[in-house]
Amino acid sequence: MIVGHFGLAAGVKARETSVPLWSLMMATVWLDIAFVPLLLSGIEAIEPVPGTAGAFGQIIIHADWTHSLVGAVFLSAVLGVIAGLAWGRRAGWVLGGVSFSHWLLDLIVHRADMPVLPGNWGGIPRLGLGLWQYPFAEIIVEAAIIGGGAFLYYQAARSAVTSSGASSARPAMVAGLIVAGGVAILAYQASTLF
């Protein structure tokens, strides 16, 4: 899941107007931001599912630290505390929650490759519902999340600018960019299937 994370952030912005949209977009991929240095250092890894080309949905992600349940709670709490210091307690809770939503959305799409404890300590069975095994269904789910989030963002932002007498062009442009970015990513993902 990539696009769905951003759709969720846009939808949250509709409700939490005081939290900057860029911070919600960053929070929703905070676990992936933490993943990159660990991937580059070889601590975490990505590999193709055996017998596949490793295209969209055909990968196993060994993010045993950043995407473990406990690791996600920890990283989300760290982000929440930092955001709370910068923008207040409510923003901290919101951004920490948006960060943790990443793990919840990934749980839906990942194969059973998400550990409960960091480093898969204790060998507890890994989690993942495996929607990636059905790539077209996964693309539809992500498209619905990005479309719904952009729509909620647009409705709330348009209402706010209309009541202030400002133009509604900016909310339409931002919502359009959110959808266009999502469509571009989903189109690329779909192209890897053929």
N, C-alpha and C. Protein backbone atom coordinates (compact mmCIF):
# COMPACT_ATOMS: atom_id res chain seq x y z
N MET A 1 0.85 -1.17 0.00
CA MET A 1 0.00 0.00 0.00
C MET A 1 0.90 1.23 0.00
N ILE A 2 0.66 2.08 -0.97
CA ILE A 2 1.37 3.36 -1.03
C ILE A 2 0.34 4.47 -1.08
N VAL A 3 -0.47 4.43 -2.11
CA VAL A 3 -1.44 5.49 -2.36
C VAL A 3 -2.46 5.61 -1.23
N GLY A 4 -2.89 4.48 -0.70
CA GLY A 4 -3.89 4.50 0.36
C GLY A 4 -3.44 5.28 1.58
N HIS A 5 -2.15 5.22 1.88
CA HIS A 5 -1.63 5.99 3.03
C HIS A 5 -1.89 7.48 2.83
N PHE A 6 -1.64 7.97 1.63
CA PHE A 6 -1.83 9.40 1.36
C PHE A 6 -3.31 9.78 1.34
N GLY A 7 -4.15 8.87 0.87
CA GLY A 7 -5.59 9.11 0.91
C GLY A 7 -6.10 9.25 2.33
N LEU A 8 -5.59 8.39 3.21
CA LEU A 8 -5.98 8.48 4.61
C LEU A 8 -5.54 9.82 5.21
N ALA A 9 -4.32 10.25 4.89
CA ALA A 9 -3.82 11.54 5.41
C ALA A 9 -4.69 12.69 4.93
N ALA A 10 -5.10 12.67 3.66
CA ALA A 10 -5.97 13.72 3.13
C ALA A 10 -7.32 13.71 3.83
N GLY A 11 -7.85 12.52 4.09
CA GLY A 11 -9.11 12.41 4.81
C GLY A 11 -9.02 12.93 6.23
N VAL A 12 -7.91 12.67 6.90
CA VAL A 12 -7.71 13.18 8.27
C VAL A 12 -7.62 14.70 8.25
N LYS A 13 -7.00 15.26 7.23
CA LYS A 13 -6.88 16.72 7.13
C LYS A 13 -8.27 17.37 7.08
N ALA A 14 -9.24 16.69 6.52
CA ALA A 14 -10.60 17.23 6.47
C ALA A 14 -11.15 17.47 7.86
N ARG A 15 -10.75 16.65 8.80
CA ARG A 15 -11.24 16.77 10.17
C ARG A 15 -10.30 17.59 11.05
N GLU A 16 -9.03 17.44 10.86
CA GLU A 16 -8.02 18.10 11.69
C GLU A 16 -7.39 19.25 10.91
N THR A 17 -8.14 20.32 10.76
CA THR A 17 -7.72 21.43 9.90
C THR A 17 -6.50 22.19 10.43
N SER A 18 -6.21 22.09 11.72
CA SER A 18 -5.07 22.83 12.26
C SER A 18 -3.74 22.11 12.04
N VAL A 19 -3.78 20.86 11.67
CA VAL A 19 -2.55 20.09 11.43
C VAL A 19 -2.16 20.27 9.96
N PRO A 20 -0.93 20.70 9.68
CA PRO A 20 -0.52 20.92 8.28
C PRO A 20 -0.63 19.64 7.44
N LEU A 21 -1.13 19.80 6.21
CA LEU A 21 -1.28 18.66 5.32
C LEU A 21 0.05 17.96 5.06
N TRP A 22 1.12 18.73 4.89
CA TRP A 22 2.43 18.11 4.63
C TRP A 22 2.84 17.20 5.79
N SER A 23 2.51 17.61 7.02
CA SER A 23 2.90 16.79 8.17
C SER A 23 2.09 15.50 8.23
N LEU A 24 0.83 15.57 7.82
CA LEU A 24 0.02 14.35 7.75
C LEU A 24 0.55 13.40 6.68
N MET A 25 0.94 13.97 5.53
CA MET A 25 1.49 13.16 4.45
C MET A 25 2.80 12.51 4.89
N MET A 26 3.62 13.24 5.62
CA MET A 26 4.88 12.69 6.11
C MET A 26 4.61 11.63 7.18
N ALA A 27 3.67 11.91 8.08
CA ALA A 27 3.38 10.97 9.16
C ALA A 27 2.88 9.64 8.63
N THR A 28 2.11 9.68 7.55
CA THR A 28 1.53 8.45 7.04
C THR A 28 2.58 7.51 6.44
N VAL A 29 3.74 8.04 6.09
CA VAL A 29 4.82 7.19 5.58
C VAL A 29 6.04 7.20 6.51
N TRP A 30 5.85 7.65 7.74
CA TRP A 30 6.94 7.72 8.72
C TRP A 30 7.63 6.37 8.90
N LEU A 31 6.87 5.29 8.94
CA LEU A 31 7.48 3.96 9.10
C LEU A 31 8.37 3.63 7.91
N ASP A 32 7.93 4.03 6.71
CA ASP A 32 8.75 3.79 5.52
C ASP A 32 9.99 4.68 5.50
N ILE A 33 9.85 5.90 6.00
CA ILE A 33 11.01 6.80 6.10
C ILE A 33 12.06 6.16 7.01
N ALA A 34 11.61 5.60 8.13
CA ALA A 34 12.54 4.92 9.04
C ALA A 34 13.09 3.64 8.41
N PHE A 35 12.31 3.00 7.55
CA PHE A 35 12.71 1.76 6.89
C PHE A 35 13.89 1.95 5.95
N VAL A 36 13.92 3.07 5.22
CA VAL A 36 14.93 3.27 4.16
C VAL A 36 16.37 3.15 4.67
N PRO A 37 16.76 3.85 5.75
CA PRO A 37 18.15 3.68 6.20
C PRO A 37 18.46 2.24 6.65
N LEU A 38 17.47 1.58 7.22
CA LEU A 38 17.69 0.19 7.64
C LEU A 38 17.78 -0.74 6.44
N LEU A 39 17.03 -0.43 5.38
CA LEU A 39 17.14 -1.20 4.14
C LEU A 39 18.52 -1.00 3.52
N LEU A 40 18.95 0.26 3.44
CA LEU A 40 20.25 0.56 2.83
C LEU A 40 21.42 -0.04 3.62
N SER A 41 21.24 -0.19 4.92
CA SER A 41 22.31 -0.76 5.74
C SER A 41 22.24 -2.29 5.82
N GLY A 42 21.22 -2.89 5.21
CA GLY A 42 21.10 -4.34 5.20
C GLY A 42 20.41 -4.93 6.42
N ILE A 43 19.94 -4.10 7.32
CA ILE A 43 19.25 -4.60 8.51
C ILE A 43 17.86 -5.10 8.14
N GLU A 44 17.19 -4.40 7.23
CA GLU A 44 15.90 -4.83 6.70
C GLU A 44 16.08 -5.06 5.20
N ALA A 45 15.16 -5.81 4.58
CA ALA A 45 15.37 -6.20 3.18
C ALA A 45 14.04 -6.35 2.44
N ILE A 46 14.15 -6.36 1.13
CA ILE A 46 13.02 -6.65 0.24
C ILE A 46 13.49 -7.73 -0.71
N GLU A 47 12.64 -8.74 -0.94
CA GLU A 47 13.00 -9.79 -1.89
C GLU A 47 11.75 -10.21 -2.65
N PRO A 48 11.91 -10.70 -3.88
CA PRO A 48 10.74 -11.15 -4.64
C PRO A 48 10.17 -12.43 -4.03
N VAL A 49 8.87 -12.59 -4.19
CA VAL A 49 8.24 -13.85 -3.80
C VAL A 49 8.84 -14.93 -4.71
N PRO A 50 9.26 -16.06 -4.15
CA PRO A 50 9.84 -17.12 -4.99
C PRO A 50 8.93 -17.48 -6.17
N GLY A 51 9.54 -17.56 -7.35
CA GLY A 51 8.80 -17.92 -8.55
C GLY A 51 8.14 -16.75 -9.25
N THR A 52 8.42 -15.52 -8.80
CA THR A 52 7.84 -14.33 -9.44
C THR A 52 8.96 -13.40 -9.88
N ALA A 53 8.57 -12.38 -10.63
CA ALA A 53 9.53 -11.37 -11.08
C ALA A 53 9.72 -10.26 -10.06
N GLY A 54 8.98 -10.31 -8.97
CA GLY A 54 9.10 -9.26 -7.95
C GLY A 54 8.37 -7.99 -8.33
N ALA A 55 7.36 -8.10 -9.20
CA ALA A 55 6.56 -6.94 -9.59
C ALA A 55 5.66 -6.52 -8.44
N PHE A 56 4.81 -5.56 -8.69
CA PHE A 56 3.90 -5.05 -7.68
C PHE A 56 3.16 -6.20 -6.99
N GLY A 57 3.21 -6.20 -5.67
CA GLY A 57 2.53 -7.22 -4.88
C GLY A 57 3.24 -8.55 -4.82
N GLN A 58 4.37 -8.67 -5.52
CA GLN A 58 5.09 -9.94 -5.57
C GLN A 58 6.41 -9.84 -4.81
N ILE A 59 6.37 -9.14 -3.68
CA ILE A 59 7.57 -8.99 -2.87
C ILE A 59 7.29 -9.37 -1.43
N ILE A 60 8.34 -9.76 -0.76
CA ILE A 60 8.28 -9.98 0.68
C ILE A 60 9.17 -8.91 1.30
N ILE A 61 8.61 -8.18 2.23
CA ILE A 61 9.34 -7.10 2.88
C ILE A 61 9.76 -7.58 4.26
N HIS A 62 11.05 -7.60 4.49
CA HIS A 62 11.59 -7.98 5.79
C HIS A 62 11.89 -6.71 6.57
N ALA A 63 10.83 -6.07 7.02
CA ALA A 63 10.95 -4.84 7.82
C ALA A 63 10.69 -5.22 9.28
N ASP A 64 11.57 -6.05 9.78
CA ASP A 64 11.36 -6.66 11.09
C ASP A 64 11.47 -5.69 12.25
N TRP A 65 11.99 -4.53 12.01
CA TRP A 65 12.13 -3.52 13.07
C TRP A 65 11.09 -2.42 12.90
N THR A 66 11.07 -1.79 11.74
CA THR A 66 10.18 -0.64 11.54
C THR A 66 8.72 -1.03 11.38
N HIS A 67 8.46 -2.19 10.83
CA HIS A 67 7.08 -2.59 10.58
C HIS A 67 6.61 -3.73 11.49
N SER A 68 7.34 -3.99 12.56
CA SER A 68 6.79 -4.89 13.57
C SER A 68 5.71 -4.10 14.32
N LEU A 69 4.79 -4.78 14.93
CA LEU A 69 3.73 -4.09 15.67
C LEU A 69 4.32 -3.19 16.76
N VAL A 70 5.22 -3.73 17.54
CA VAL A 70 5.83 -2.95 18.63
C VAL A 70 6.69 -1.83 18.07
N GLY A 71 7.44 -2.10 16.99
CA GLY A 71 8.25 -1.06 16.36
C GLY A 71 7.41 0.07 15.82
N ALA A 72 6.26 -0.27 15.23
CA ALA A 72 5.36 0.75 14.69
C ALA A 72 4.77 1.61 15.81
N VAL A 73 4.40 0.97 16.91
CA VAL A 73 3.90 1.74 18.07
C VAL A 73 4.99 2.68 18.58
N PHE A 74 6.21 2.17 18.70
CA PHE A 74 7.32 2.99 19.20
C PHE A 74 7.60 4.17 18.27
N LEU A 75 7.76 3.91 16.97
CA LEU A 75 8.05 4.98 16.02
C LEU A 75 6.92 6.00 15.95
N SER A 76 5.69 5.53 16.04
CA SER A 76 4.54 6.44 16.03
C SER A 76 4.51 7.30 17.28
N ALA A 77 4.85 6.71 18.42
CA ALA A 77 4.90 7.47 19.67
C ALA A 77 6.00 8.53 19.62
N VAL A 78 7.15 8.17 19.07
CA VAL A 78 8.24 9.15 18.94
C VAL A 78 7.79 10.32 18.08
N LEU A 79 7.18 10.02 16.94
CA LEU A 79 6.68 11.08 16.07
C LEU A 79 5.62 11.91 16.78
N GLY A 80 4.72 11.26 17.50
CA GLY A 80 3.68 11.97 18.23
C GLY A 80 4.24 12.92 19.27
N VAL A 81 5.25 12.49 19.99
CA VAL A 81 5.87 13.35 21.01
C VAL A 81 6.54 14.55 20.34
N ILE A 82 7.30 14.31 19.28
CA ILE A 82 7.97 15.41 18.57
C ILE A 82 6.94 16.39 18.02
N ALA A 83 5.88 15.87 17.39
CA ALA A 83 4.84 16.74 16.84
C ALA A 83 4.11 17.48 17.95
N GLY A 84 3.88 16.81 19.07
CA GLY A 84 3.22 17.46 20.20
C GLY A 84 4.02 18.63 20.74
N LEU A 85 5.33 18.49 20.77
CA LEU A 85 6.19 19.59 21.21
C LEU A 85 6.13 20.76 20.23
N ALA A 86 6.04 20.44 18.94
CA ALA A 86 6.03 21.49 17.91
C ALA A 86 4.67 22.15 17.75
N TRP A 87 3.58 21.37 17.76
CA TRP A 87 2.27 21.90 17.41
C TRP A 87 1.20 21.69 18.48
N GLY A 88 1.54 21.12 19.59
CA GLY A 88 0.56 20.91 20.65
C GLY A 88 0.15 19.46 20.78
N ARG A 89 -0.44 19.16 21.93
CA ARG A 89 -0.78 17.78 22.28
C ARG A 89 -1.72 17.13 21.26
N ARG A 90 -2.76 17.85 20.85
CA ARG A 90 -3.73 17.26 19.92
C ARG A 90 -3.04 16.87 18.60
N ALA A 91 -2.23 17.77 18.06
CA ALA A 91 -1.52 17.47 16.82
C ALA A 91 -0.60 16.27 17.01
N GLY A 92 0.02 16.17 18.17
CA GLY A 92 0.87 15.01 18.45
C GLY A 92 0.10 13.71 18.41
N TRP A 93 -1.07 13.70 19.03
CA TRP A 93 -1.90 12.49 19.00
C TRP A 93 -2.35 12.17 17.58
N VAL A 94 -2.76 13.21 16.85
CA VAL A 94 -3.23 13.00 15.48
C VAL A 94 -2.11 12.43 14.61
N LEU A 95 -0.94 13.07 14.65
CA LEU A 95 0.16 12.61 13.80
C LEU A 95 0.69 11.24 14.23
N GLY A 96 0.72 10.98 15.52
CA GLY A 96 1.09 9.64 15.98
C GLY A 96 0.09 8.60 15.50
N GLY A 97 -1.20 8.94 15.55
CA GLY A 97 -2.24 8.02 15.07
C GLY A 97 -2.16 7.79 13.57
N VAL A 98 -1.92 8.85 12.82
CA VAL A 98 -1.78 8.70 11.37
C VAL A 98 -0.57 7.83 11.05
N SER A 99 0.50 8.03 11.80
CA SER A 99 1.69 7.19 11.60
C SER A 99 1.35 5.72 11.86
N PHE A 100 0.65 5.43 12.94
CA PHE A 100 0.31 4.04 13.24
C PHE A 100 -0.68 3.46 12.23
N SER A 101 -1.51 4.32 11.63
CA SER A 101 -2.44 3.83 10.61
C SER A 101 -1.69 3.15 9.46
N HIS A 102 -0.46 3.56 9.25
CA HIS A 102 0.37 2.93 8.21
C HIS A 102 0.46 1.42 8.47
N TRP A 103 0.73 1.05 9.70
CA TRP A 103 0.85 -0.36 10.04
C TRP A 103 -0.48 -1.08 9.82
N LEU A 104 -1.57 -0.44 10.21
CA LEU A 104 -2.88 -1.07 10.05
C LEU A 104 -3.22 -1.29 8.58
N LEU A 105 -2.94 -0.29 7.74
CA LEU A 105 -3.21 -0.45 6.31
C LEU A 105 -2.27 -1.49 5.69
N ASP A 106 -1.01 -1.49 6.11
CA ASP A 106 -0.08 -2.50 5.61
C ASP A 106 -0.50 -3.90 6.02
N LEU A 107 -1.09 -4.05 7.19
CA LEU A 107 -1.56 -5.36 7.65
C LEU A 107 -2.55 -5.95 6.64
N ILE A 108 -3.35 -5.11 6.03
CA ILE A 108 -4.35 -5.57 5.06
C ILE A 108 -3.68 -6.11 3.79
N VAL A 109 -2.64 -5.44 3.32
CA VAL A 109 -2.08 -5.80 2.01
C VAL A 109 -0.88 -6.75 2.08
N HIS A 110 -0.08 -6.66 3.11
CA HIS A 110 1.13 -7.49 3.18
C HIS A 110 0.79 -8.97 3.29
N ARG A 111 1.66 -9.78 2.72
CA ARG A 111 1.63 -11.20 3.02
C ARG A 111 2.02 -11.33 4.50
N ALA A 112 2.03 -12.50 5.03
CA ALA A 112 2.38 -12.68 6.45
C ALA A 112 3.88 -12.45 6.64
N ASP A 113 4.28 -11.16 6.55
CA ASP A 113 5.69 -10.81 6.70
C ASP A 113 5.91 -9.71 7.75
N MET A 114 4.87 -9.40 8.53
CA MET A 114 4.97 -8.33 9.53
C MET A 114 5.03 -8.95 10.93
N PRO A 115 6.19 -8.83 11.59
CA PRO A 115 6.32 -9.44 12.91
C PRO A 115 5.61 -8.63 14.00
N VAL A 116 5.32 -9.28 15.10
CA VAL A 116 4.74 -8.59 16.25
C VAL A 116 5.83 -7.86 17.01
N LEU A 117 6.93 -8.54 17.28
CA LEU A 117 8.03 -7.96 18.06
C LEU A 117 9.18 -7.55 17.14
N PRO A 118 9.91 -6.50 17.49
CA PRO A 118 11.05 -6.07 16.67
C PRO A 118 12.05 -7.21 16.47
N GLY A 119 12.54 -7.30 15.23
CA GLY A 119 13.50 -8.36 14.91
C GLY A 119 12.88 -9.74 14.89
N ASN A 120 11.56 -9.80 14.95
CA ASN A 120 10.80 -11.05 15.06
C ASN A 120 11.29 -11.87 16.25
N TRP A 121 11.62 -11.16 17.31
CA TRP A 121 12.07 -11.81 18.54
C TRP A 121 11.00 -12.77 19.03
N GLY A 122 11.38 -13.94 19.42
CA GLY A 122 10.46 -14.94 19.93
C GLY A 122 9.83 -15.80 18.85
N GLY A 123 10.04 -15.44 17.58
CA GLY A 123 9.51 -16.24 16.49
C GLY A 123 7.99 -16.34 16.44
N ILE A 124 7.30 -15.33 16.96
CA ILE A 124 5.84 -15.31 16.91
C ILE A 124 5.41 -15.28 15.44
N PRO A 125 4.36 -16.01 15.06
CA PRO A 125 3.93 -15.98 13.66
C PRO A 125 3.73 -14.55 13.16
N ARG A 126 4.18 -14.33 11.94
CA ARG A 126 4.07 -13.01 11.33
C ARG A 126 2.64 -12.75 10.88
N LEU A 127 2.33 -11.46 10.73
CA LEU A 127 0.98 -11.03 10.39
C LEU A 127 0.91 -10.48 8.98
N GLY A 128 -0.26 -10.52 8.39
CA GLY A 128 -0.51 -9.96 7.07
C GLY A 128 -1.67 -10.69 6.44
N LEU A 129 -2.64 -9.94 5.92
CA LEU A 129 -3.83 -10.55 5.34
C LEU A 129 -3.67 -10.87 3.85
N GLY A 130 -2.65 -10.31 3.20
CA GLY A 130 -2.28 -10.74 1.86
C GLY A 130 -3.06 -10.19 0.68
N LEU A 131 -3.65 -9.01 0.79
CA LEU A 131 -4.39 -8.47 -0.35
C LEU A 131 -3.49 -8.28 -1.57
N TRP A 132 -2.18 -8.12 -1.37
CA TRP A 132 -1.26 -8.01 -2.49
C TRP A 132 -1.30 -9.22 -3.40
N GLN A 133 -1.78 -10.34 -2.92
CA GLN A 133 -1.88 -11.53 -3.76
C GLN A 133 -2.98 -11.39 -4.80
N TYR A 134 -3.80 -10.36 -4.65
CA TYR A 134 -4.89 -10.05 -5.58
C TYR A 134 -4.69 -8.61 -6.04
N PRO A 135 -3.71 -8.37 -6.92
CA PRO A 135 -3.29 -7.00 -7.21
C PRO A 135 -4.38 -6.09 -7.74
N PHE A 136 -5.28 -6.58 -8.55
CA PHE A 136 -6.31 -5.69 -9.07
C PHE A 136 -7.28 -5.28 -7.96
N ALA A 137 -7.60 -6.19 -7.06
CA ALA A 137 -8.44 -5.83 -5.91
C ALA A 137 -7.72 -4.83 -5.03
N GLU A 138 -6.42 -5.01 -4.85
CA GLU A 138 -5.64 -4.08 -4.02
C GLU A 138 -5.61 -2.69 -4.64
N ILE A 139 -5.48 -2.62 -5.96
CA ILE A 139 -5.48 -1.33 -6.65
C ILE A 139 -6.83 -0.65 -6.48
N ILE A 140 -7.91 -1.40 -6.56
CA ILE A 140 -9.25 -0.82 -6.37
C ILE A 140 -9.40 -0.28 -4.96
N VAL A 141 -8.93 -1.02 -3.96
CA VAL A 141 -9.01 -0.55 -2.57
C VAL A 141 -8.22 0.74 -2.41
N GLU A 142 -7.00 0.77 -2.94
CA GLU A 142 -6.18 1.98 -2.81
C GLU A 142 -6.82 3.16 -3.55
N ALA A 143 -7.37 2.91 -4.73
CA ALA A 143 -8.03 3.98 -5.48
C ALA A 143 -9.22 4.53 -4.70
N ALA A 144 -9.96 3.65 -4.05
CA ALA A 144 -11.10 4.11 -3.24
C ALA A 144 -10.63 4.96 -2.06
N ILE A 145 -9.54 4.56 -1.42
CA ILE A 145 -9.03 5.33 -0.28
C ILE A 145 -8.51 6.69 -0.73
N ILE A 146 -7.76 6.74 -1.83
CA ILE A 146 -7.23 8.03 -2.29
C ILE A 146 -8.37 8.92 -2.78
N GLY A 147 -9.33 8.34 -3.49
CA GLY A 147 -10.47 9.13 -3.96
C GLY A 147 -11.32 9.64 -2.81
N GLY A 148 -11.58 8.78 -1.84
CA GLY A 148 -12.36 9.19 -0.67
C GLY A 148 -11.65 10.24 0.16
N GLY A 149 -10.36 10.06 0.38
CA GLY A 149 -9.59 11.03 1.16
C GLY A 149 -9.53 12.38 0.48
N ALA A 150 -9.27 12.38 -0.84
CA ALA A 150 -9.21 13.64 -1.59
C ALA A 150 -10.57 14.33 -1.58
N PHE A 151 -11.65 13.55 -1.70
CA PHE A 151 -12.99 14.14 -1.67
C PHE A 151 -13.27 14.77 -0.32
N LEU A 152 -12.97 14.06 0.76
CA LEU A 152 -13.20 14.62 2.10
C LEU A 152 -12.36 15.88 2.32
N TYR A 153 -11.10 15.84 1.88
CA TYR A 153 -10.24 17.03 1.99
C TYR A 153 -10.86 18.19 1.22
N TYR A 154 -11.25 17.95 -0.02
CA TYR A 154 -11.81 19.01 -0.86
C TYR A 154 -13.07 19.61 -0.22
N GLN A 155 -13.97 18.76 0.25
CA GLN A 155 -15.21 19.25 0.85
C GLN A 155 -14.92 20.16 2.05
N ALA A 156 -14.04 19.72 2.92
CA ALA A 156 -13.73 20.50 4.12
C ALA A 156 -12.99 21.78 3.77
N ALA A 157 -12.01 21.69 2.87
CA ALA A 157 -11.22 22.88 2.50
C ALA A 157 -12.09 23.88 1.75
N ARG A 158 -12.94 23.40 0.86
CA ARG A 158 -13.83 24.31 0.12
C ARG A 158 -14.79 25.01 1.06
N SER A 159 -15.32 24.28 2.02
CA SER A 159 -16.22 24.88 3.00
C SER A 159 -15.51 25.96 3.80
N ALA A 160 -14.27 25.71 4.18
CA ALA A 160 -13.50 26.69 4.96
C ALA A 160 -13.21 27.95 4.16
N VAL A 161 -12.83 27.81 2.89
CA VAL A 161 -12.52 29.01 2.10
C VAL A 161 -13.78 29.74 1.67
N THR A 162 -14.86 29.01 1.44
CA THR A 162 -16.11 29.66 1.05
C THR A 162 -16.63 30.53 2.18
N SER A 163 -16.53 30.04 3.41
CA SER A 163 -17.00 30.84 4.55
C SER A 163 -16.12 32.05 4.80
N SER A 164 -14.87 32.01 4.32
CA SER A 164 -13.99 33.17 4.50
C SER A 164 -14.02 34.09 3.29
N GLY A 165 -14.72 33.69 2.24
CA GLY A 165 -14.83 34.51 1.04
C GLY A 165 -13.69 34.31 0.06
N ALA A 166 -12.79 33.38 0.32
CA ALA A 166 -11.66 33.12 -0.58
C ALA A 166 -12.09 32.20 -1.72
N SER A 167 -11.24 32.09 -2.71
CA SER A 167 -11.50 31.25 -3.87
C SER A 167 -11.37 29.77 -3.49
N SER A 168 -12.19 28.95 -4.12
CA SER A 168 -12.10 27.51 -3.87
C SER A 168 -11.17 26.82 -4.87
N ALA A 169 -10.41 27.61 -5.62
CA ALA A 169 -9.48 27.03 -6.61
C ALA A 169 -8.37 26.24 -5.93
N ARG A 170 -7.84 26.73 -4.83
CA ARG A 170 -6.73 26.04 -4.17
C ARG A 170 -7.13 24.66 -3.64
N PRO A 171 -8.26 24.55 -2.91
CA PRO A 171 -8.66 23.20 -2.48
C PRO A 171 -8.87 22.24 -3.65
N ALA A 172 -9.43 22.74 -4.74
CA ALA A 172 -9.63 21.88 -5.91
C ALA A 172 -8.30 21.45 -6.50
N MET A 173 -7.33 22.38 -6.54
CA MET A 173 -6.02 22.05 -7.08
C MET A 173 -5.31 21.02 -6.20
N VAL A 174 -5.34 21.21 -4.89
CA VAL A 174 -4.68 20.27 -3.99
C VAL A 174 -5.33 18.89 -4.08
N ALA A 175 -6.66 18.84 -4.06
CA ALA A 175 -7.36 17.56 -4.18
C ALA A 175 -7.04 16.90 -5.52
N GLY A 176 -6.99 17.71 -6.57
CA GLY A 176 -6.64 17.19 -7.89
C GLY A 176 -5.24 16.61 -7.94
N LEU A 177 -4.30 17.29 -7.28
CA LEU A 177 -2.92 16.78 -7.24
C LEU A 177 -2.83 15.48 -6.44
N ILE A 178 -3.60 15.39 -5.37
CA ILE A 178 -3.61 14.16 -4.58
C ILE A 178 -4.11 12.99 -5.44
N VAL A 179 -5.21 13.22 -6.15
CA VAL A 179 -5.77 12.17 -7.01
C VAL A 179 -4.82 11.86 -8.17
N ALA A 180 -4.28 12.90 -8.81
CA ALA A 180 -3.38 12.68 -9.95
C ALA A 180 -2.14 11.88 -9.53
N GLY A 181 -1.57 12.24 -8.38
CA GLY A 181 -0.42 11.48 -7.89
C GLY A 181 -0.79 10.03 -7.61
N GLY A 182 -1.96 9.83 -7.01
CA GLY A 182 -2.41 8.48 -6.72
C GLY A 182 -2.64 7.67 -7.98
N VAL A 183 -3.28 8.29 -8.97
CA VAL A 183 -3.54 7.59 -10.24
C VAL A 183 -2.23 7.23 -10.92
N ALA A 184 -1.26 8.14 -10.91
CA ALA A 184 0.03 7.87 -11.54
C ALA A 184 0.72 6.67 -10.88
N ILE A 185 0.72 6.64 -9.57
CA ILE A 185 1.36 5.52 -8.86
C ILE A 185 0.61 4.21 -9.12
N LEU A 186 -0.73 4.26 -9.07
CA LEU A 186 -1.50 3.04 -9.33
C LEU A 186 -1.33 2.56 -10.76
N ALA A 187 -1.25 3.50 -11.72
CA ALA A 187 -1.03 3.12 -13.12
C ALA A 187 0.32 2.44 -13.28
N TYR A 188 1.33 2.98 -12.61
CA TYR A 188 2.65 2.34 -12.66
C TYR A 188 2.58 0.94 -12.05
N GLN A 189 1.93 0.83 -10.90
CA GLN A 189 1.83 -0.49 -10.26
C GLN A 189 1.12 -1.48 -11.18
N ALA A 190 0.04 -1.03 -11.81
CA ALA A 190 -0.70 -1.91 -12.72
C ALA A 190 0.16 -2.31 -13.92
N SER A 191 0.99 -1.38 -14.40
CA SER A 191 1.83 -1.68 -15.57
C SER A 191 2.86 -2.77 -15.27
N THR A 192 3.23 -2.93 -14.02
CA THR A 192 4.22 -3.97 -13.67
C THR A 192 3.61 -5.36 -13.68
N LEU A 193 2.30 -5.43 -13.81
CA LEU A 193 1.63 -6.73 -13.77
C LEU A 193 1.61 -7.41 -15.13
N PHE A 194 1.93 -6.68 -16.17
CA PHE A 194 1.84 -7.24 -17.53
C PHE A 194 3.20 -7.50 -18.13
